[in-house]
Amino acid sequence: MADEGGTDTVTEEPKRRYDVFLCFRGNDTRCTFTGNLYAALRQARFRTFMADGTLKGSVQIENTIIEALKASRISIVVLSQNFASSRWCLNELVKILECMRTKNQVVIPIFYNVDPSDVRNQRGRFGEAMMFRFGEDTKEVQKWRSVLTQVANLSGWCFGRGSGFKYEYEFIEEIVRHVTLVLPRYSIFLSFSGKETRTFTGFLNNALCRRGFHTFISDGDQSSQSTIGVIEKSRLSIVILLRLCFRDPSPISMDKSSSAEINEE
């Protein structure tokens, strides 16, 4: 996210892959809700993109943010009262829904002290902020109204009067739990057996990490239950075999459960 006026930068390398992209109105929630959500996601070891508001130069910022958005697996859109008064936020939302359609990116709307129906229909204080800032329904405004309606129709989370959450930290914990269910924790599960492949596996792991992949290495010492749990949270399994491995097929049988669900990054 970036505020209108072009004064944002990023907190991570733009070429790296991200688990979560945060879209938000900085003046509303940067130092409160969104900042706390960012910290909670990072603590849960999700690579999270959040603009931090320190770099000037709108073209550079826009390019960096769009690249980060395209490299993310989930976009969380924090819809607050003044969200629709920011041209930047609205254009960013257009790009997010494009990624949802073309890249199957997951989009999670957060209705922060706003009613989803007000976002859907651009009414109440949410709609008033948009009308005051942009006035009549130009072609551009009609496009923004369309994406606001679309995002409000997605399954999301509400915080505010009648939401059932008394404390903000409880709300954030629920969002992080939901992200954990939606996203695999690891990109790649590496399985090997024997000292002969340990060096090769180490080099492979280092190379994958340099390219921005989350990896988990199993040498067969972990308990079967915990290893299966990691496999289920991985997008890709790599099994490194020697001829001697066939004397002990346990690492192979452990990986069979996830072989049908292998996906490439």
C-alpha atoms as a PDB file:
ATOM      1  CA  MET A   1       0.000   0.000   0.000  1.00  0.00           C
ATOM      2  CA  ALA A   2       0.992   3.545  -0.476  1.00  0.00           C
ATOM      3  CA  ASP A   3      -0.651   6.817   0.444  1.00  0.00           C
ATOM      4  CA  GLU A   4      -1.666   9.246  -2.236  1.00  0.00           C
ATOM      5  CA  GLY A   5       1.136  11.748  -2.639  1.00  0.00           C
ATOM      6  CA  GLY A   6       3.923   9.206  -3.119  1.00  0.00           C
ATOM      7  CA  THR A   7       5.891   8.908   0.110  1.00  0.00           C
ATOM      8  CA  ASP A   8       6.213   5.147   0.600  1.00  0.00           C
ATOM      9  CA  THR A   9       8.902   2.526   0.329  1.00  0.00           C
ATOM     10  CA  VAL A  10       9.118  -1.175   1.076  1.00  0.00           C
ATOM     11  CA  THR A  11      10.431  -3.161   3.988  1.00  0.00           C
ATOM     12  CA  GLU A  12      11.802  -6.112   1.999  1.00  0.00           C
ATOM     13  CA  GLU A  13      13.607  -6.839  -1.269  1.00  0.00           C
ATOM     14  CA  PRO A  14      11.115  -6.384  -4.120  1.00  0.00           C
ATOM     15  CA  LYS A  15      12.434  -9.359  -6.090  1.00  0.00           C
ATOM     16  CA  ARG A  16      11.770 -11.821  -3.274  1.00  0.00           C
ATOM     17  CA  ARG A  17       8.599 -13.818  -3.046  1.00  0.00           C
ATOM     18  CA  TYR A  18       6.048 -12.778  -0.435  1.00  0.00           C
ATOM     19  CA  ASP A  19       3.391 -14.749   1.337  1.00  0.00           C
ATOM     20  CA  VAL A  20       1.203 -11.748   2.156  1.00  0.00           C
ATOM     21  CA  PHE A  21       0.757  -8.331   0.549  1.00  0.00           C
ATOM     22  CA  LEU A  22      -0.912  -5.671   2.715  1.00  0.00           C
ATOM     23  CA  CYS A  23      -3.087  -3.045   1.022  1.00  0.00           C
ATOM     24  CA  PHE A  24      -4.231  -0.292   3.382  1.00  0.00           C
ATOM     25  CA  ARG A  25      -4.797   3.445   3.848  1.00  0.00           C
ATOM     26  CA  GLY A  26      -1.703   4.591   5.672  1.00  0.00           C
ATOM     27  CA  ASN A  27      -3.225   7.597   7.414  1.00  0.00           C
ATOM     28  CA  ASP A  28      -5.956   5.375   8.868  1.00  0.00           C
ATOM     29  CA  THR A  29      -4.190   2.217  10.048  1.00  0.00           C
ATOM     30  CA  ARG A  30      -0.426   2.203   9.373  1.00  0.00           C
ATOM     31  CA  CYS A  31       0.606   2.856  12.980  1.00  0.00           C
ATOM     32  CA  THR A  32      -2.288   0.948  14.547  1.00  0.00           C
ATOM     33  CA  PHE A  33      -4.135  -2.064  13.167  1.00  0.00           C
ATOM     34  CA  THR A  34      -2.133  -2.724   9.986  1.00  0.00           C
ATOM     35  CA  GLY A  35       1.181  -2.232  11.772  1.00  0.00           C
ATOM     36  CA  ASN A  36       0.148  -4.752  14.428  1.00  0.00           C
ATOM     37  CA  LEU A  37      -1.119  -7.202  11.797  1.00  0.00           C
ATOM     38  CA  TYR A  38       2.188  -6.928   9.934  1.00  0.00           C
ATOM     39  CA  ALA A  39       4.133  -7.695  13.122  1.00  0.00           C
ATOM     40  CA  ALA A  40       1.921 -10.702  13.904  1.00  0.00           C
ATOM     41  CA  LEU A  41       2.310 -12.132  10.393  1.00  0.00           C
ATOM     42  CA  ARG A  42       6.083 -11.716  10.532  1.00  0.00           C
ATOM     43  CA  GLN A  43       6.179 -13.362  13.952  1.00  0.00           C
ATOM     44  CA  ALA A  44       4.308 -16.301  12.422  1.00  0.00           C
ATOM     45  CA  ARG A  45       7.112 -16.452   9.805  1.00  0.00           C
ATOM     46  CA  PHE A  46       5.070 -15.236   6.856  1.00  0.00           C
ATOM     47  CA  ARG A  47       6.975 -13.053   4.412  1.00  0.00           C
ATOM     48  CA  THR A  48       4.873  -9.938   4.437  1.00  0.00           C
ATOM     49  CA  PHE A  49       5.071  -6.834   2.271  1.00  0.00           C
ATOM     50  CA  MET A  50       4.138  -3.536   3.884  1.00  0.00           C
ATOM     51  CA  ALA A  51       5.101  -0.087   2.646  1.00  0.00           C
ATOM     52  CA  ASP A  52       6.664   1.975   5.434  1.00  0.00           C
ATOM     53  CA  GLY A  53       6.281   5.554   4.200  1.00  0.00           C
ATOM     54  CA  THR A  54       9.866   6.813   3.968  1.00  0.00           C
ATOM     55  CA  LEU A  55      10.863   6.992   0.279  1.00  0.00           C
ATOM     56  CA  LYS A  56       9.854   9.748  -2.135  1.00  0.00           C
ATOM     57  CA  GLY A  57       9.376   9.216  -5.847  1.00  0.00           C
ATOM     58  CA  SER A  58       5.989   7.936  -6.965  1.00  0.00           C
ATOM     59  CA  VAL A  59       7.132   6.075 -10.120  1.00  0.00           C
ATOM     60  CA  GLN A  60       9.762   4.060  -8.259  1.00  0.00           C
ATOM     61  CA  ILE A  61       7.319   3.291  -5.456  1.00  0.00           C
ATOM     62  CA  GLU A  62       4.563   2.214  -7.833  1.00  0.00           C
ATOM     63  CA  ASN A  63       6.866  -0.149  -9.756  1.00  0.00           C
ATOM     64  CA  THR A  64       8.207  -1.660  -6.539  1.00  0.00           C
ATOM     65  CA  ILE A  65       4.757  -2.163  -5.055  1.00  0.00           C
ATOM     66  CA  ILE A  66       3.312  -3.723  -8.213  1.00  0.00           C
ATOM     67  CA  GLU A  67       6.235  -6.161  -8.414  1.00  0.00           C
ATOM     68  CA  ALA A  68       5.717  -7.113  -4.762  1.00  0.00           C
ATOM     69  CA  LEU A  69       2.000  -7.563  -5.351  1.00  0.00           C
ATOM     70  CA  LYS A  70       2.570  -9.869  -8.315  1.00  0.00           C
ATOM     71  CA  ALA A  71       5.064 -11.908  -6.263  1.00  0.00           C
ATOM     72  CA  SER A  72       2.650 -12.413  -3.346  1.00  0.00           C
ATOM     73  CA  ARG A  73       0.384 -15.367  -2.659  1.00  0.00           C
ATOM     74  CA  ILE A  74      -2.258 -13.542  -0.609  1.00  0.00           C
ATOM     75  CA  SER A  75      -3.420  -9.939  -0.621  1.00  0.00           C
ATOM     76  CA  ILE A  76      -5.062  -8.624   2.540  1.00  0.00           C
ATOM     77  CA  VAL A  77      -7.055  -5.449   1.858  1.00  0.00           C
ATOM     78  CA  VAL A  78      -7.731  -3.357   4.970  1.00  0.00           C
ATOM     79  CA  LEU A  79     -10.824  -1.320   4.125  1.00  0.00           C
ATOM     80  CA  SER A  80     -11.053   1.619   6.531  1.00  0.00           C
ATOM     81  CA  GLN A  81     -13.198   4.775   6.498  1.00  0.00           C
ATOM     82  CA  ASN A  82     -10.860   6.842   4.296  1.00  0.00           C
ATOM     83  CA  PHE A  83      -9.664   4.029   2.012  1.00  0.00           C
ATOM     84  CA  ALA A  84     -11.834   5.190  -0.897  1.00  0.00           C
ATOM     85  CA  SER A  85     -10.491   8.748  -0.701  1.00  0.00           C
ATOM     86  CA  SER A  86      -7.052   7.598  -1.909  1.00  0.00           C
ATOM     87  CA  ARG A  87      -6.460   7.323  -5.650  1.00  0.00           C
ATOM     88  CA  TRP A  88      -3.398   5.207  -4.925  1.00  0.00           C
ATOM     89  CA  CYS A  89      -5.290   2.710  -2.764  1.00  0.00           C
ATOM     90  CA  LEU A  90      -8.072   2.377  -5.328  1.00  0.00           C
ATOM     91  CA  ASN A  91      -5.668   1.792  -8.219  1.00  0.00           C
ATOM     92  CA  GLU A  92      -3.828  -0.738  -6.085  1.00  0.00           C
ATOM     93  CA  LEU A  93      -7.108  -2.542  -5.457  1.00  0.00           C
ATOM     94  CA  VAL A  94      -7.680  -2.715  -9.226  1.00  0.00           C
ATOM     95  CA  LYS A  95      -4.301  -4.465  -9.602  1.00  0.00           C
ATOM     96  CA  ILE A  96      -5.067  -6.834  -6.722  1.00  0.00           C
ATOM     97  CA  LEU A  97      -8.286  -8.037  -8.343  1.00  0.00           C
ATOM     98  CA  GLU A  98      -6.424  -8.460 -11.637  1.00  0.00           C
ATOM     99  CA  CYS A  99      -3.964 -10.752  -9.820  1.00  0.00           C
ATOM    100  CA  MET A 100      -6.887 -12.635  -8.298  1.00  0.00           C
ATOM    101  CA  ARG A 101      -8.274 -13.306 -11.781  1.00  0.00           C
ATOM    102  CA  THR A 102      -5.027 -13.966 -13.663  1.00  0.00           C
ATOM    103  CA  LYS A 103      -2.777 -15.485 -10.977  1.00  0.00           C
ATOM    104  CA  ASN A 104      -5.361 -17.128  -8.700  1.00  0.00           C
ATOM    105  CA  GLN A 105      -4.117 -14.942  -5.877  1.00  0.00           C
ATOM    106  CA  VAL A 106      -6.150 -15.184  -2.676  1.00  0.00           C
ATOM    107  CA  VAL A 107      -7.737 -11.875  -1.633  1.00  0.00           C
ATOM    108  CA  ILE A 108      -8.954 -11.349   1.944  1.00  0.00           C
ATOM    109  CA  PRO A 109     -10.865  -8.133   2.703  1.00  0.00           C
ATOM    110  CA  ILE A 110     -10.744  -6.756   6.245  1.00  0.00           C
ATOM    111  CA  PHE A 111     -13.611  -4.397   7.072  1.00  0.00           C
ATOM    112  CA  TYR A 112     -12.026  -2.265   9.768  1.00  0.00           C
ATOM    113  CA  ASN A 113     -14.661  -0.122  11.472  1.00  0.00           C
ATOM    114  CA  VAL A 114     -16.677  -0.016   8.257  1.00  0.00           C
ATOM    115  CA  ASP A 115     -19.820  -1.900   7.272  1.00  0.00           C
ATOM    116  CA  PRO A 116     -19.317  -4.306   4.322  1.00  0.00           C
ATOM    117  CA  SER A 117     -22.578  -3.038   2.804  1.00  0.00           C
ATOM    118  CA  ASP A 118     -21.232   0.533   2.893  1.00  0.00           C
ATOM    119  CA  VAL A 119     -18.158  -0.627   0.978  1.00  0.00           C
ATOM    120  CA  ARG A 120     -20.283  -2.662  -1.436  1.00  0.00           C
ATOM    121  CA  ASN A 121     -22.582   0.256  -2.220  1.00  0.00           C
ATOM    122  CA  GLN A 122     -20.144   3.126  -1.501  1.00  0.00           C
ATOM    123  CA  ARG A 123     -22.444   4.765   1.008  1.00  0.00           C
ATOM    124  CA  GLY A 124     -22.220   6.069   4.583  1.00  0.00           C
ATOM    125  CA  ARG A 125     -18.976   7.713   5.701  1.00  0.00           C
ATOM    126  CA  PHE A 126     -17.028   5.356   3.437  1.00  0.00           C
ATOM    127  CA  GLY A 127     -18.934   6.515   0.346  1.00  0.00           C
ATOM    128  CA  GLU A 128     -18.937  10.148   1.464  1.00  0.00           C
ATOM    129  CA  ALA A 129     -15.126  10.170   1.626  1.00  0.00           C
ATOM    130  CA  MET A 130     -14.986   8.931  -1.963  1.00  0.00           C
ATOM    131  CA  MET A 131     -17.579  11.411  -3.203  1.00  0.00           C
ATOM    132  CA  PHE A 132     -15.904  14.344  -1.440  1.00  0.00           C
ATOM    133  CA  ARG A 133     -12.515  13.465  -2.966  1.00  0.00           C
ATOM    134  CA  PHE A 134     -13.493  12.518  -6.532  1.00  0.00           C
ATOM    135  CA  GLY A 135     -16.954  13.963  -7.143  1.00  0.00           C
ATOM    136  CA  GLU A 136     -18.879  12.830 -10.209  1.00  0.00           C
ATOM    137  CA  ASP A 137     -18.846   9.342 -11.732  1.00  0.00           C
ATOM    138  CA  THR A 138     -16.123   9.577 -14.349  1.00  0.00           C
ATOM    139  CA  LYS A 139     -15.002   6.411 -16.122  1.00  0.00           C
ATOM    140  CA  GLU A 140     -12.192   6.019 -13.605  1.00  0.00           C
ATOM    141  CA  VAL A 141     -14.527   6.434 -10.624  1.00  0.00           C
ATOM    142  CA  GLN A 142     -16.921   3.857 -12.101  1.00  0.00           C
ATOM    143  CA  LYS A 143     -14.032   1.386 -12.338  1.00  0.00           C
ATOM    144  CA  TRP A 144     -13.154   2.006  -8.693  1.00  0.00           C
ATOM    145  CA  ARG A 145     -16.778   1.570  -7.639  1.00  0.00           C
ATOM    146  CA  SER A 146     -16.836  -1.753  -9.467  1.00  0.00           C
ATOM    147  CA  VAL A 147     -13.750  -3.149  -7.711  1.00  0.00           C
ATOM    148  CA  LEU A 148     -15.003  -1.951  -4.314  1.00  0.00           C
ATOM    149  CA  THR A 149     -18.238  -3.849  -4.912  1.00  0.00           C
ATOM    150  CA  GLN A 150     -16.296  -6.928  -5.998  1.00  0.00           C
ATOM    151  CA  VAL A 151     -13.979  -6.960  -2.988  1.00  0.00           C
ATOM    152  CA  ALA A 152     -16.902  -6.387  -0.605  1.00  0.00           C
ATOM    153  CA  ASN A 153     -18.569  -9.508  -2.017  1.00  0.00           C
ATOM    154  CA  LEU A 154     -15.565 -11.680  -1.113  1.00  0.00           C
ATOM    155  CA  SER A 155     -15.410 -13.632   2.114  1.00  0.00           C
ATOM    156  CA  GLY A 156     -13.596 -11.517   4.687  1.00  0.00           C
ATOM    157  CA  TRP A 157     -13.316 -10.382   8.300  1.00  0.00           C
ATOM    158  CA  CYS A 158     -15.060  -7.560  10.161  1.00  0.00           C
ATOM    159  CA  PHE A 159     -13.888  -5.566  13.150  1.00  0.00           C
ATOM    160  CA  GLY A 160     -16.053  -2.963  14.837  1.00  0.00           C
ATOM    161  CA  ARG A 161     -19.443  -2.676  16.473  1.00  0.00           C
ATOM    162  CA  GLY A 162     -21.293  -5.996  16.358  1.00  0.00           C
ATOM    163  CA  SER A 163     -18.335  -7.954  14.948  1.00  0.00           C
ATOM    164  CA  GLY A 164     -17.985 -10.197  18.002  1.00  0.00           C
ATOM    165  CA  PHE A 165     -14.393  -9.159  18.670  1.00  0.00           C
ATOM    166  CA  LYS A 166     -13.864  -7.107  21.815  1.00  0.00           C
ATOM    167  CA  TYR A 167     -10.114  -6.712  21.479  1.00  0.00           C
ATOM    168  CA  GLU A 168      -8.070  -5.962  18.373  1.00  0.00           C
ATOM    169  CA  TYR A 169      -5.317  -8.442  19.268  1.00  0.00           C
ATOM    170  CA  GLU A 170      -7.881 -11.285  19.276  1.00  0.00           C
ATOM    171  CA  PHE A 171      -9.045 -10.207  15.840  1.00  0.00           C
ATOM    172  CA  ILE A 172      -5.472 -10.194  14.528  1.00  0.00           C
ATOM    173  CA  GLU A 173      -4.812 -13.649  15.988  1.00  0.00           C
ATOM    174  CA  GLU A 174      -7.824 -15.011  14.101  1.00  0.00           C
ATOM    175  CA  ILE A 175      -6.602 -13.490  10.837  1.00  0.00           C
ATOM    176  CA  VAL A 176      -3.145 -15.031  11.288  1.00  0.00           C
ATOM    177  CA  ARG A 177      -4.737 -18.414  12.030  1.00  0.00           C
ATOM    178  CA  HIS A 178      -6.785 -18.106   8.855  1.00  0.00           C
ATOM    179  CA  VAL A 179      -3.715 -17.231   6.783  1.00  0.00           C
ATOM    180  CA  THR A 180      -1.944 -20.267   8.269  1.00  0.00           C
ATOM    181  CA  LEU A 181      -4.762 -22.505   7.031  1.00  0.00           C
ATOM    182  CA  VAL A 182      -4.849 -20.913   3.580  1.00  0.00           C
ATOM    183  CA  LEU A 183      -1.101 -20.838   2.906  1.00  0.00           C
ATOM    184  CA  PRO A 184       1.298 -23.764   2.992  1.00  0.00           C
ATOM    185  CA  ARG A 185       3.995 -22.935   5.554  1.00  0.00           C
ATOM    186  CA  TYR A 186       6.917 -24.144   3.422  1.00  0.00           C
ATOM    187  CA  SER A 187       7.630 -23.841  -0.288  1.00  0.00           C
ATOM    188  CA  ILE A 188       9.749 -27.000  -0.474  1.00  0.00           C
ATOM    189  CA  PHE A 189      10.189 -30.111   1.694  1.00  0.00           C
ATOM    190  CA  LEU A 190      13.639 -31.719   1.272  1.00  0.00           C
ATOM    191  CA  SER A 191      13.952 -35.364   2.274  1.00  0.00           C
ATOM    192  CA  PHE A 192      17.248 -37.259   2.284  1.00  0.00           C
ATOM    193  CA  SER A 193      18.796 -40.238   4.022  1.00  0.00           C
ATOM    194  CA  GLY A 194      22.412 -40.959   4.852  1.00  0.00           C
ATOM    195  CA  LYS A 195      25.604 -38.950   5.244  1.00  0.00           C
ATOM    196  CA  GLU A 196      26.440 -39.383   1.558  1.00  0.00           C
ATOM    197  CA  THR A 197      23.796 -36.873   0.477  1.00  0.00           C
ATOM    198  CA  ARG A 198      24.036 -34.431   3.403  1.00  0.00           C
ATOM    199  CA  THR A 199      26.547 -32.134   1.649  1.00  0.00           C
ATOM    200  CA  PHE A 200      24.575 -32.058  -1.604  1.00  0.00           C
ATOM    201  CA  THR A 201      21.332 -31.430   0.270  1.00  0.00           C
ATOM    202  CA  GLY A 202      22.952 -28.575   2.176  1.00  0.00           C
ATOM    203  CA  PHE A 203      24.113 -26.915  -1.043  1.00  0.00           C
ATOM    204  CA  LEU A 204      20.668 -27.388  -2.590  1.00  0.00           C
ATOM    205  CA  ASN A 205      18.977 -25.908   0.479  1.00  0.00           C
ATOM    206  CA  ASN A 206      21.276 -22.858   0.430  1.00  0.00           C
ATOM    207  CA  ALA A 207      20.597 -22.282  -3.271  1.00  0.00           C
ATOM    208  CA  LEU A 208      16.839 -22.512  -2.750  1.00  0.00           C
ATOM    209  CA  CYS A 209      16.948 -20.139   0.221  1.00  0.00           C
ATOM    210  CA  ARG A 210      18.918 -17.589  -1.807  1.00  0.00           C
ATOM    211  CA  ARG A 211      16.115 -17.652  -4.373  1.00  0.00           C
ATOM    212  CA  GLY A 212      13.584 -16.862  -1.647  1.00  0.00           C
ATOM    213  CA  PHE A 213      12.044 -20.307  -1.018  1.00  0.00           C
ATOM    214  CA  HIS A 214      11.029 -21.511   2.459  1.00  0.00           C
ATOM    215  CA  THR A 215      12.549 -24.974   2.888  1.00  0.00           C
ATOM    216  CA  PHE A 216      12.346 -27.727   5.490  1.00  0.00           C
ATOM    217  CA  ILE A 217      15.002 -30.462   5.616  1.00  0.00           C
ATOM    218  CA  SER A 218      14.184 -33.939   6.907  1.00  0.00           C
ATOM    219  CA  ASP A 219      16.948 -36.490   7.496  1.00  0.00           C
ATOM    220  CA  GLY A 220      14.619 -39.091   8.979  1.00  0.00           C
ATOM    221  CA  ASP A 221      15.372 -38.213  12.611  1.00  0.00           C
ATOM    222  CA  GLN A 222      12.104 -36.362  13.198  1.00  0.00           C
ATOM    223  CA  SER A 223       9.020 -38.200  14.413  1.00  0.00           C
ATOM    224  CA  SER A 224       6.792 -39.524  11.632  1.00  0.00           C
ATOM    225  CA  GLN A 225       3.793 -37.515  12.818  1.00  0.00           C
ATOM    226  CA  SER A 226       5.635 -34.179  12.875  1.00  0.00           C
ATOM    227  CA  THR A 227       7.210 -34.868   9.473  1.00  0.00           C
ATOM    228  CA  ILE A 228       3.858 -35.673   7.889  1.00  0.00           C
ATOM    229  CA  GLY A 229       2.543 -32.391   9.279  1.00  0.00           C
ATOM    230  CA  VAL A 230       5.362 -30.494   7.564  1.00  0.00           C
ATOM    231  CA  ILE A 231       4.777 -32.344   4.277  1.00  0.00           C
ATOM    232  CA  GLU A 232       1.127 -31.323   4.351  1.00  0.00           C
ATOM    233  CA  LYS A 233       2.179 -27.680   4.786  1.00  0.00           C
ATOM    234  CA  SER A 234       4.625 -27.769   1.844  1.00  0.00           C
ATOM    235  CA  ARG A 235       3.927 -26.988  -1.795  1.00  0.00           C
ATOM    236  CA  LEU A 236       6.655 -29.213  -3.257  1.00  0.00           C
ATOM    237  CA  SER A 237       8.526 -32.276  -1.976  1.00  0.00           C
ATOM    238  CA  ILE A 238      12.025 -33.190  -3.187  1.00  0.00           C
ATOM    239  CA  VAL A 239      13.261 -36.673  -2.263  1.00  0.00           C
ATOM    240  CA  ILE A 240      17.018 -37.249  -2.649  1.00  0.00           C
ATOM    241  CA  LEU A 241      17.768 -40.944  -3.130  1.00  0.00           C
ATOM    242  CA  LEU A 242      20.822 -43.181  -3.133  1.00  0.00           C
ATOM    243  CA  ARG A 243      20.753 -46.830  -4.079  1.00  0.00           C
ATOM    244  CA  LEU A 244      21.284 -47.627  -0.402  1.00  0.00           C
ATOM    245  CA  CYS A 245      18.078 -45.800   0.498  1.00  0.00           C
ATOM    246  CA  PHE A 246      15.996 -48.690  -0.778  1.00  0.00           C
ATOM    247  CA  ARG A 247      17.157 -50.770   2.204  1.00  0.00           C
ATOM    248  CA  ASP A 248      15.177 -48.340   4.382  1.00  0.00           C
ATOM    249  CA  PRO A 249      12.056 -47.189   2.514  1.00  0.00           C
ATOM    250  CA  SER A 250      10.625 -45.173   5.400  1.00  0.00           C
ATOM    251  CA  PRO A 251      11.588 -41.730   3.981  1.00  0.00           C
ATOM    252  CA  ILE A 252       9.923 -42.664   0.692  1.00  0.00           C
ATOM    253  CA  SER A 253       6.707 -43.896   2.295  1.00  0.00           C
ATOM    254  CA  MET A 254       6.538 -40.715   4.395  1.00  0.00           C
ATOM    255  CA  ASP A 255       6.546 -38.577   1.255  1.00  0.00           C
ATOM    256  CA  LYS A 256       3.958 -40.627  -0.636  1.00  0.00           C
ATOM    257  CA  SER A 257       1.120 -38.918   1.176  1.00  0.00           C
ATOM    258  CA  SER A 258       1.933 -35.573  -0.435  1.00  0.00           C
ATOM    259  CA  SER A 259       3.122 -36.730  -3.849  1.00  0.00           C
ATOM    260  CA  ALA A 260      -0.295 -36.249  -5.410  1.00  0.00           C
ATOM    261  CA  GLU A 261      -0.398 -32.610  -4.367  1.00  0.00           C
ATOM    262  CA  ILE A 262       2.990 -31.443  -5.616  1.00  0.00           C
ATOM    263  CA  ASN A 263       2.891 -28.001  -7.191  1.00  0.00           C
ATOM    264  CA  GLU A 264       5.722 -25.982  -8.594  1.00  0.00           C
ATOM    265  CA  GLU A 265       6.404 -22.395  -7.433  1.00  0.00           C
END
